[in-house]
Amino acid sequence: MRNLPQPNPLLTEQGQYPCPVCRCGHISTLPLMEAMSCNFCRHIFTPNIPQQSIALADSQVALTWRWSGKTWKGIHRAGLELGWDYFAIGAAFILLPPLLVGCAAYLFPPMPGTPMAWFPIVWTILAFISHLACVVWLLVEYYQLPVALYFKALEQRLWTMIKTTARSRR
């Protein structure tokens, strides 16, 4: 098991805290700067010591977290939350193009037994998957989810687990 540093109950400039973005690394103060950075995902944060909070400085979306003494709690931003209208637009963007393609394939089916008779069904499925991928990508970008870093952390944990099992077998 890794020897993890114990976070301070209060947010200070000298402490080391778990990263609220990647949840794998630890943030600490950058030398000669009034900022903190993660040793794993390399995000930069600006601390607000009196309010016990940090803000993500290297992002277009101003994400902020408050230190509770043990974990980070997200602070919701007024006016930047996704409402029902965004979900309706996203659902329409995901469902309408495949429905149009599927209805066209249903109303004007290909001749049975032709070599390309499978194409309208595959085209409908591809339209659904591609539009769903666009909406998922926008959500990942909006919430700044570090998907690549999660896979990198999973790979590192897998390699350490493989190494420890190989050492224990010797």
N, C-alpha and C. Protein backbone atom coordinates (compact mmCIF):
# COMPACT_ATOMS: atom_id res chain seq x y z
N MET A 1 0.85 -1.17 0.00
CA MET A 1 0.00 0.00 0.00
C MET A 1 0.89 1.24 0.00
N ARG A 2 0.45 2.27 -0.72
CA ARG A 2 1.25 3.50 -0.79
C ARG A 2 1.17 4.25 0.52
N ASN A 3 2.25 4.96 0.83
CA ASN A 3 2.29 5.79 2.02
C ASN A 3 1.78 7.17 1.63
N LEU A 4 0.49 7.43 1.87
CA LEU A 4 -0.13 8.68 1.49
C LEU A 4 -0.01 9.70 2.60
N PRO A 5 0.27 10.96 2.24
CA PRO A 5 0.33 12.00 3.28
C PRO A 5 -1.05 12.28 3.84
N GLN A 6 -1.10 12.58 5.12
CA GLN A 6 -2.36 12.91 5.78
C GLN A 6 -2.69 14.38 5.52
N PRO A 7 -3.89 14.67 4.96
CA PRO A 7 -4.24 16.06 4.71
C PRO A 7 -4.50 16.82 6.01
N ASN A 8 -4.25 18.11 5.96
CA ASN A 8 -4.49 18.97 7.11
C ASN A 8 -5.98 19.22 7.27
N PRO A 9 -6.46 19.41 8.52
CA PRO A 9 -7.88 19.72 8.70
C PRO A 9 -8.24 21.10 8.16
N LEU A 10 -7.28 22.00 8.09
CA LEU A 10 -7.51 23.32 7.52
C LEU A 10 -6.66 23.49 6.27
N LEU A 11 -7.19 24.21 5.30
CA LEU A 11 -6.45 24.49 4.07
C LEU A 11 -5.37 25.51 4.36
N THR A 12 -4.12 25.13 4.18
CA THR A 12 -2.99 26.03 4.36
C THR A 12 -2.13 26.00 3.11
N GLU A 13 -1.25 26.95 3.00
CA GLU A 13 -0.37 27.00 1.83
C GLU A 13 0.71 25.94 1.88
N GLN A 14 1.05 25.44 3.06
CA GLN A 14 2.12 24.46 3.18
C GLN A 14 1.63 23.02 3.13
N GLY A 15 0.33 22.79 3.15
CA GLY A 15 -0.20 21.44 3.22
C GLY A 15 -0.21 20.73 1.88
N GLN A 16 -0.48 19.43 1.95
CA GLN A 16 -0.62 18.62 0.76
C GLN A 16 -1.99 17.94 0.84
N TYR A 17 -2.78 18.06 -0.24
CA TYR A 17 -4.18 17.64 -0.23
C TYR A 17 -4.46 16.76 -1.44
N PRO A 18 -5.47 15.90 -1.36
CA PRO A 18 -5.83 15.12 -2.55
C PRO A 18 -6.37 16.02 -3.65
N CYS A 19 -6.10 15.67 -4.88
CA CYS A 19 -6.54 16.48 -6.01
C CYS A 19 -8.04 16.29 -6.24
N PRO A 20 -8.82 17.38 -6.32
CA PRO A 20 -10.26 17.24 -6.55
C PRO A 20 -10.61 16.90 -7.99
N VAL A 21 -9.68 17.07 -8.91
CA VAL A 21 -9.97 16.80 -10.32
C VAL A 21 -9.71 15.34 -10.66
N CYS A 22 -8.49 14.88 -10.48
CA CYS A 22 -8.15 13.51 -10.88
C CYS A 22 -8.35 12.50 -9.76
N ARG A 23 -8.33 12.94 -8.53
CA ARG A 23 -8.51 12.08 -7.35
C ARG A 23 -7.43 11.01 -7.24
N CYS A 24 -6.33 11.21 -7.95
CA CYS A 24 -5.21 10.25 -7.89
C CYS A 24 -3.97 10.91 -7.32
N GLY A 25 -3.75 12.16 -7.67
CA GLY A 25 -2.56 12.86 -7.22
C GLY A 25 -2.83 13.70 -5.99
N HIS A 26 -1.82 14.49 -5.63
CA HIS A 26 -1.93 15.38 -4.47
C HIS A 26 -1.51 16.78 -4.91
N ILE A 27 -2.21 17.78 -4.38
CA ILE A 27 -1.87 19.15 -4.71
C ILE A 27 -1.05 19.75 -3.58
N SER A 28 -0.10 20.56 -3.98
CA SER A 28 0.74 21.28 -3.02
C SER A 28 1.15 22.59 -3.66
N THR A 29 1.73 23.47 -2.86
CA THR A 29 2.09 24.80 -3.32
C THR A 29 3.23 24.74 -4.32
N LEU A 30 3.11 25.55 -5.37
CA LEU A 30 4.21 25.70 -6.32
C LEU A 30 5.25 26.63 -5.72
N PRO A 31 6.51 26.32 -5.88
CA PRO A 31 7.54 27.20 -5.32
C PRO A 31 7.49 28.60 -5.94
N LEU A 32 7.64 29.60 -5.09
CA LEU A 32 7.69 31.02 -5.48
C LEU A 32 6.42 31.51 -6.17
N MET A 33 5.30 30.84 -5.96
CA MET A 33 4.04 31.27 -6.57
C MET A 33 2.92 31.17 -5.55
N GLU A 34 1.86 31.90 -5.79
CA GLU A 34 0.66 31.81 -4.96
C GLU A 34 -0.35 30.90 -5.63
N ALA A 35 0.10 29.72 -5.97
CA ALA A 35 -0.75 28.74 -6.64
C ALA A 35 -0.37 27.35 -6.17
N MET A 36 -1.26 26.40 -6.44
CA MET A 36 -1.02 25.01 -6.09
C MET A 36 -1.16 24.19 -7.37
N SER A 37 -0.50 23.04 -7.41
CA SER A 37 -0.62 22.17 -8.58
C SER A 37 -0.67 20.72 -8.15
N CYS A 38 -1.23 19.89 -9.02
CA CYS A 38 -1.33 18.46 -8.77
C CYS A 38 -0.09 17.78 -9.33
N ASN A 39 0.43 16.81 -8.60
CA ASN A 39 1.62 16.10 -9.07
C ASN A 39 1.28 15.01 -10.08
N PHE A 40 -0.02 14.75 -10.33
CA PHE A 40 -0.41 13.71 -11.27
C PHE A 40 -1.02 14.30 -12.55
N CYS A 41 -2.06 15.11 -12.41
CA CYS A 41 -2.74 15.64 -13.59
C CYS A 41 -2.19 17.00 -14.03
N ARG A 42 -1.36 17.62 -13.23
CA ARG A 42 -0.69 18.89 -13.54
C ARG A 42 -1.63 20.08 -13.66
N HIS A 43 -2.85 19.99 -13.10
CA HIS A 43 -3.74 21.15 -13.07
C HIS A 43 -3.22 22.16 -12.06
N ILE A 44 -3.49 23.43 -12.33
CA ILE A 44 -3.07 24.52 -11.45
C ILE A 44 -4.30 25.10 -10.77
N PHE A 45 -4.19 25.33 -9.48
CA PHE A 45 -5.28 25.84 -8.66
C PHE A 45 -4.85 27.14 -7.99
N THR A 46 -5.82 28.03 -7.79
CA THR A 46 -5.56 29.23 -7.00
C THR A 46 -6.28 29.07 -5.66
N PRO A 47 -5.53 29.06 -4.58
CA PRO A 47 -6.18 28.86 -3.27
C PRO A 47 -6.76 30.16 -2.73
N ASN A 48 -7.83 30.02 -1.98
CA ASN A 48 -8.43 31.12 -1.24
C ASN A 48 -8.46 30.66 0.22
N ILE A 49 -7.40 30.96 0.96
CA ILE A 49 -7.22 30.45 2.31
C ILE A 49 -8.33 30.91 3.27
N PRO A 50 -8.75 32.20 3.26
CA PRO A 50 -9.82 32.60 4.20
C PRO A 50 -11.14 31.86 3.97
N GLN A 51 -11.46 31.55 2.71
CA GLN A 51 -12.71 30.83 2.43
C GLN A 51 -12.52 29.32 2.39
N GLN A 52 -11.28 28.85 2.58
CA GLN A 52 -10.98 27.42 2.56
C GLN A 52 -11.42 26.77 1.25
N SER A 53 -11.06 27.41 0.13
CA SER A 53 -11.46 26.88 -1.17
C SER A 53 -10.33 27.05 -2.17
N ILE A 54 -10.43 26.30 -3.26
CA ILE A 54 -9.50 26.45 -4.38
C ILE A 54 -10.32 26.52 -5.66
N ALA A 55 -9.75 27.19 -6.66
CA ALA A 55 -10.39 27.31 -7.97
C ALA A 55 -9.44 26.79 -9.03
N LEU A 56 -9.97 26.12 -10.02
CA LEU A 56 -9.17 25.60 -11.11
C LEU A 56 -8.77 26.77 -12.00
N ALA A 57 -7.48 27.03 -12.12
CA ALA A 57 -7.00 28.22 -12.82
C ALA A 57 -6.73 27.97 -14.29
N ASP A 58 -6.50 26.73 -14.69
CA ASP A 58 -6.13 26.46 -16.08
C ASP A 58 -7.29 25.89 -16.89
N SER A 59 -8.49 26.40 -16.66
CA SER A 59 -9.66 25.93 -17.36
C SER A 59 -10.55 27.10 -17.74
N GLN A 60 -11.32 26.92 -18.80
CA GLN A 60 -12.26 27.97 -19.20
C GLN A 60 -13.44 28.03 -18.24
N VAL A 61 -13.85 26.87 -17.72
CA VAL A 61 -14.94 26.81 -16.76
C VAL A 61 -14.36 26.97 -15.36
N ALA A 62 -14.88 27.92 -14.61
CA ALA A 62 -14.35 28.20 -13.27
C ALA A 62 -14.90 27.19 -12.26
N LEU A 63 -14.22 26.08 -12.10
CA LEU A 63 -14.61 25.07 -11.12
C LEU A 63 -13.98 25.42 -9.78
N THR A 64 -14.77 25.31 -8.70
CA THR A 64 -14.31 25.67 -7.37
C THR A 64 -14.71 24.58 -6.39
N TRP A 65 -13.82 24.31 -5.43
CA TRP A 65 -14.08 23.32 -4.39
C TRP A 65 -13.77 23.93 -3.03
N ARG A 66 -14.52 23.51 -2.02
CA ARG A 66 -14.31 23.95 -0.64
C ARG A 66 -13.76 22.77 0.15
N TRP A 67 -12.74 23.03 0.98
CA TRP A 67 -12.10 21.99 1.79
C TRP A 67 -12.92 21.77 3.05
N SER A 68 -13.33 20.52 3.29
CA SER A 68 -14.15 20.21 4.46
C SER A 68 -13.32 19.68 5.63
N GLY A 69 -12.04 19.56 5.46
CA GLY A 69 -11.18 19.01 6.50
C GLY A 69 -10.68 17.62 6.13
N LYS A 70 -11.45 16.90 5.30
CA LYS A 70 -11.05 15.57 4.84
C LYS A 70 -11.17 15.42 3.33
N THR A 71 -12.19 16.04 2.75
CA THR A 71 -12.42 15.92 1.31
C THR A 71 -12.80 17.27 0.72
N TRP A 72 -12.83 17.32 -0.60
CA TRP A 72 -13.25 18.51 -1.32
C TRP A 72 -14.73 18.40 -1.64
N LYS A 73 -15.45 19.50 -1.46
CA LYS A 73 -16.87 19.59 -1.81
C LYS A 73 -17.00 20.61 -2.94
N GLY A 74 -17.65 20.22 -4.03
CA GLY A 74 -17.83 21.12 -5.16
C GLY A 74 -18.76 22.26 -4.83
N ILE A 75 -18.43 23.45 -5.30
CA ILE A 75 -19.27 24.63 -5.12
C ILE A 75 -19.99 24.86 -6.43
N HIS A 76 -21.32 24.88 -6.39
CA HIS A 76 -22.11 25.07 -7.61
C HIS A 76 -22.02 26.52 -8.06
N ARG A 77 -21.95 26.69 -9.35
CA ARG A 77 -21.85 28.02 -9.93
C ARG A 77 -23.23 28.49 -10.35
N ALA A 78 -23.61 29.66 -9.93
CA ALA A 78 -24.92 30.21 -10.29
C ALA A 78 -24.91 30.62 -11.77
N GLY A 79 -25.95 30.23 -12.48
CA GLY A 79 -26.07 30.61 -13.88
C GLY A 79 -25.36 29.68 -14.84
N LEU A 80 -24.56 28.75 -14.37
CA LEU A 80 -23.83 27.85 -15.25
C LEU A 80 -24.28 26.40 -15.12
N GLU A 81 -25.41 26.16 -14.51
CA GLU A 81 -25.88 24.80 -14.34
C GLU A 81 -26.71 24.38 -15.55
N LEU A 82 -26.66 23.10 -15.84
CA LEU A 82 -27.43 22.58 -16.97
C LEU A 82 -28.88 22.41 -16.55
N GLY A 83 -29.77 23.01 -17.30
CA GLY A 83 -31.20 22.92 -17.00
C GLY A 83 -31.89 21.92 -17.91
N TRP A 84 -33.21 21.87 -17.79
CA TRP A 84 -33.99 20.92 -18.58
C TRP A 84 -33.91 21.22 -20.07
N ASP A 85 -33.74 22.50 -20.42
CA ASP A 85 -33.67 22.87 -21.83
C ASP A 85 -32.44 22.28 -22.51
N TYR A 86 -31.31 22.23 -21.80
CA TYR A 86 -30.10 21.62 -22.36
C TYR A 86 -30.29 20.11 -22.53
N PHE A 87 -30.97 19.48 -21.57
CA PHE A 87 -31.22 18.04 -21.70
C PHE A 87 -32.17 17.75 -22.85
N ALA A 88 -33.16 18.62 -23.07
CA ALA A 88 -34.09 18.43 -24.19
C ALA A 88 -33.36 18.59 -25.53
N ILE A 89 -32.49 19.59 -25.62
CA ILE A 89 -31.73 19.80 -26.85
C ILE A 89 -30.78 18.62 -27.08
N GLY A 90 -30.13 18.14 -26.02
CA GLY A 90 -29.23 16.98 -26.15
C GLY A 90 -29.97 15.73 -26.57
N ALA A 91 -31.16 15.50 -25.98
CA ALA A 91 -31.95 14.32 -26.35
C ALA A 91 -32.42 14.42 -27.80
N ALA A 92 -32.82 15.61 -28.23
CA ALA A 92 -33.23 15.79 -29.62
C ALA A 92 -32.05 15.57 -30.56
N PHE A 93 -30.88 16.06 -30.19
CA PHE A 93 -29.69 15.89 -31.03
C PHE A 93 -29.30 14.42 -31.13
N ILE A 94 -29.54 13.67 -30.07
CA ILE A 94 -29.19 12.24 -30.08
C ILE A 94 -30.25 11.43 -30.83
N LEU A 95 -31.52 11.74 -30.66
CA LEU A 95 -32.59 10.88 -31.17
C LEU A 95 -33.12 11.25 -32.55
N LEU A 96 -33.20 12.53 -32.90
CA LEU A 96 -33.83 12.91 -34.17
C LEU A 96 -33.08 12.43 -35.42
N PRO A 97 -31.77 12.60 -35.54
CA PRO A 97 -31.11 12.10 -36.76
C PRO A 97 -31.24 10.60 -36.96
N PRO A 98 -31.04 9.76 -35.93
CA PRO A 98 -31.26 8.33 -36.17
C PRO A 98 -32.72 7.99 -36.49
N LEU A 99 -33.67 8.74 -35.89
CA LEU A 99 -35.07 8.51 -36.23
C LEU A 99 -35.36 8.85 -37.69
N LEU A 100 -34.78 9.93 -38.20
CA LEU A 100 -34.96 10.28 -39.61
C LEU A 100 -34.39 9.21 -40.52
N VAL A 101 -33.19 8.75 -40.21
CA VAL A 101 -32.57 7.71 -41.03
C VAL A 101 -33.34 6.41 -40.93
N GLY A 102 -33.77 6.06 -39.72
CA GLY A 102 -34.53 4.82 -39.54
C GLY A 102 -35.89 4.87 -40.22
N CYS A 103 -36.58 6.02 -40.14
CA CYS A 103 -37.88 6.14 -40.81
C CYS A 103 -37.71 6.06 -42.33
N ALA A 104 -36.67 6.68 -42.85
CA ALA A 104 -36.41 6.60 -44.30
C ALA A 104 -36.12 5.16 -44.71
N ALA A 105 -35.38 4.43 -43.89
CA ALA A 105 -35.09 3.03 -44.20
C ALA A 105 -36.34 2.18 -44.09
N TYR A 106 -37.25 2.54 -43.19
CA TYR A 106 -38.49 1.78 -43.04
C TYR A 106 -39.47 2.07 -44.18
N LEU A 107 -39.58 3.36 -44.55
CA LEU A 107 -40.52 3.73 -45.61
C LEU A 107 -40.02 3.34 -47.00
N PHE A 108 -38.73 3.38 -47.20
CA PHE A 108 -38.14 3.03 -48.49
C PHE A 108 -37.10 1.93 -48.29
N PRO A 109 -37.56 0.72 -48.00
CA PRO A 109 -36.61 -0.36 -47.70
C PRO A 109 -35.85 -0.79 -48.96
N PRO A 110 -34.65 -1.32 -48.76
CA PRO A 110 -33.90 -1.82 -49.90
C PRO A 110 -34.52 -3.13 -50.40
N MET A 111 -34.16 -3.49 -51.58
CA MET A 111 -34.66 -4.74 -52.15
C MET A 111 -34.12 -5.90 -51.34
N PRO A 112 -34.97 -6.85 -50.95
CA PRO A 112 -34.48 -8.01 -50.20
C PRO A 112 -33.49 -8.82 -51.04
N GLY A 113 -32.43 -9.26 -50.35
CA GLY A 113 -31.44 -10.09 -51.01
C GLY A 113 -30.36 -9.31 -51.74
N THR A 114 -30.43 -7.98 -51.75
CA THR A 114 -29.37 -7.21 -52.39
C THR A 114 -28.15 -7.16 -51.48
N PRO A 115 -26.98 -6.92 -52.05
CA PRO A 115 -25.77 -6.93 -51.22
C PRO A 115 -25.73 -5.85 -50.15
N MET A 116 -26.39 -4.74 -50.36
CA MET A 116 -26.33 -3.63 -49.39
C MET A 116 -27.62 -3.51 -48.57
N ALA A 117 -28.35 -4.55 -48.39
CA ALA A 117 -29.61 -4.50 -47.64
C ALA A 117 -29.38 -4.20 -46.16
N TRP A 118 -28.22 -4.46 -45.64
CA TRP A 118 -27.88 -4.22 -44.23
C TRP A 118 -27.51 -2.76 -43.96
N PHE A 119 -27.22 -2.00 -45.01
CA PHE A 119 -26.67 -0.66 -44.85
C PHE A 119 -27.59 0.31 -44.09
N PRO A 120 -28.91 0.39 -44.33
CA PRO A 120 -29.74 1.35 -43.58
C PRO A 120 -29.76 1.10 -42.07
N ILE A 121 -29.74 -0.16 -41.66
CA ILE A 121 -29.73 -0.46 -40.22
C ILE A 121 -28.41 -0.03 -39.60
N VAL A 122 -27.31 -0.33 -40.27
CA VAL A 122 -26.00 0.06 -39.75
C VAL A 122 -25.86 1.58 -39.74
N TRP A 123 -26.40 2.25 -40.77
CA TRP A 123 -26.33 3.70 -40.83
C TRP A 123 -27.13 4.33 -39.68
N THR A 124 -28.27 3.78 -39.35
CA THR A 124 -29.08 4.26 -38.23
C THR A 124 -28.33 4.10 -36.91
N ILE A 125 -27.71 2.95 -36.70
CA ILE A 125 -26.96 2.70 -35.47
C ILE A 125 -25.75 3.62 -35.38
N LEU A 126 -25.05 3.81 -36.50
CA LEU A 126 -23.89 4.71 -36.51
C LEU A 126 -24.31 6.17 -36.24
N ALA A 127 -25.45 6.58 -36.77
CA ALA A 127 -25.94 7.95 -36.51
C ALA A 127 -26.23 8.13 -35.02
N PHE A 128 -26.84 7.12 -34.40
CA PHE A 128 -27.13 7.20 -32.96
C PHE A 128 -25.83 7.26 -32.15
N ILE A 129 -24.89 6.37 -32.44
CA ILE A 129 -23.63 6.31 -31.68
C ILE A 129 -22.83 7.59 -31.86
N SER A 130 -22.75 8.12 -33.07
CA SER A 130 -21.95 9.33 -33.29
C SER A 130 -22.57 10.55 -32.60
N HIS A 131 -23.90 10.68 -32.63
CA HIS A 131 -24.53 11.81 -31.95
C HIS A 131 -24.45 11.67 -30.43
N LEU A 132 -24.57 10.45 -29.94
CA LEU A 132 -24.39 10.22 -28.50
C LEU A 132 -22.96 10.55 -28.08
N ALA A 133 -21.98 10.19 -28.90
CA ALA A 133 -20.58 10.50 -28.59
C ALA A 133 -20.35 12.01 -28.55
N CYS A 134 -21.00 12.75 -29.43
CA CYS A 134 -20.85 14.22 -29.41
C CYS A 134 -21.38 14.81 -28.11
N VAL A 135 -22.53 14.34 -27.65
CA VAL A 135 -23.12 14.87 -26.42
C VAL A 135 -22.27 14.46 -25.21
N VAL A 136 -21.81 13.23 -25.18
CA VAL A 136 -20.94 12.78 -24.08
C VAL A 136 -19.65 13.59 -24.06
N TRP A 137 -19.07 13.85 -25.22
CA TRP A 137 -17.85 14.65 -25.30
C TRP A 137 -18.09 16.07 -24.76
N LEU A 138 -19.23 16.67 -25.10
CA LEU A 138 -19.54 18.00 -24.58
C LEU A 138 -19.70 17.99 -23.07
N LEU A 139 -20.33 16.96 -22.52
CA LEU A 139 -20.47 16.86 -21.06
C LEU A 139 -19.12 16.68 -20.39
N VAL A 140 -18.25 15.88 -20.97
CA VAL A 140 -16.91 15.68 -20.41
C VAL A 140 -16.13 16.98 -20.44
N GLU A 141 -16.25 17.73 -21.52
CA GLU A 141 -15.55 19.02 -21.62
C GLU A 141 -16.13 20.04 -20.65
N TYR A 142 -17.44 20.06 -20.49
CA TYR A 142 -18.07 21.04 -19.59
C TYR A 142 -17.67 20.79 -18.14
N TYR A 143 -17.74 19.54 -17.72
CA TYR A 143 -17.42 19.22 -16.33
C TYR A 143 -15.94 18.95 -16.11
N GLN A 144 -15.12 19.08 -17.15
CA GLN A 144 -13.67 18.90 -17.07
C GLN A 144 -13.31 17.55 -16.44
N LEU A 145 -13.94 16.50 -16.90
CA LEU A 145 -13.64 15.17 -16.38
C LEU A 145 -12.35 14.66 -17.02
N PRO A 146 -11.36 14.32 -16.23
CA PRO A 146 -10.08 13.88 -16.78
C PRO A 146 -10.11 12.39 -17.13
N VAL A 147 -10.78 12.06 -18.23
CA VAL A 147 -10.96 10.66 -18.62
C VAL A 147 -9.61 10.01 -18.91
N ALA A 148 -8.74 10.70 -19.64
CA ALA A 148 -7.43 10.13 -19.96
C ALA A 148 -6.62 9.89 -18.69
N LEU A 149 -6.75 10.77 -17.71
CA LEU A 149 -6.01 10.58 -16.46
C LEU A 149 -6.55 9.40 -15.66
N TYR A 150 -7.85 9.15 -15.74
CA TYR A 150 -8.40 7.98 -15.06
C TYR A 150 -7.81 6.70 -15.64
N PHE A 151 -7.69 6.66 -16.98
CA PHE A 151 -7.10 5.47 -17.60
C PHE A 151 -5.62 5.36 -17.27
N LYS A 152 -4.91 6.50 -17.18
CA LYS A 152 -3.50 6.48 -16.80
C LYS A 152 -3.33 5.99 -15.37
N ALA A 153 -4.18 6.43 -14.47
CA ALA A 153 -4.12 5.97 -13.08
C ALA A 153 -4.46 4.49 -12.98
N LEU A 154 -5.44 4.05 -13.76
CA LEU A 154 -5.79 2.64 -13.77
C LEU A 154 -4.64 1.79 -14.28
N GLU A 155 -3.95 2.29 -15.30
CA GLU A 155 -2.79 1.57 -15.84
C GLU A 155 -1.67 1.50 -14.80
N GLN A 156 -1.41 2.60 -14.10
CA GLN A 156 -0.36 2.59 -13.07
C GLN A 156 -0.72 1.64 -11.94
N ARG A 157 -1.97 1.64 -11.51
CA ARG A 157 -2.38 0.72 -10.45
C ARG A 157 -2.28 -0.73 -10.90
N LEU A 158 -2.62 -0.99 -12.16
CA LEU A 158 -2.53 -2.34 -12.69
C LEU A 158 -1.08 -2.81 -12.72
N TRP A 159 -0.17 -1.93 -13.16
CA TRP A 159 1.25 -2.31 -13.21
C TRP A 159 1.82 -2.54 -11.81
N THR A 160 1.44 -1.70 -10.84
CA THR A 160 1.94 -1.92 -9.48
C THR A 160 1.38 -3.20 -8.89
N MET A 161 0.12 -3.52 -9.22
CA MET A 161 -0.46 -4.77 -8.74
C MET A 161 0.24 -5.97 -9.38
N ILE A 162 0.57 -5.87 -10.66
CA ILE A 162 1.28 -6.96 -11.34
C ILE A 162 2.67 -7.13 -10.76
N LYS A 163 3.35 -6.02 -10.49
CA LYS A 163 4.70 -6.09 -9.92
C LYS A 163 4.69 -6.70 -8.53
N THR A 164 3.70 -6.31 -7.70
CA THR A 164 3.66 -6.84 -6.33
C THR A 164 3.31 -8.32 -6.33
N THR A 165 2.44 -8.76 -7.23
CA THR A 165 2.12 -10.19 -7.29
C THR A 165 3.29 -10.99 -7.82
N ALA A 166 4.06 -10.40 -8.76
CA ALA A 166 5.24 -11.10 -9.28
C ALA A 166 6.31 -11.22 -8.21
N ARG A 167 6.47 -10.19 -7.38
CA ARG A 167 7.46 -10.24 -6.28
C ARG A 167 7.04 -11.22 -5.21
N SER A 168 5.75 -11.31 -4.95
CA SER A 168 5.28 -12.21 -3.89
C SER A 168 5.39 -13.68 -4.31
N ARG A 169 5.38 -13.96 -5.61
CA ARG A 169 5.52 -15.32 -6.10
C ARG A 169 6.95 -15.83 -6.03
N ARG A 170 7.91 -14.93 -5.98
CA ARG A 170 9.32 -15.33 -5.95
C ARG A 170 9.72 -15.87 -4.64
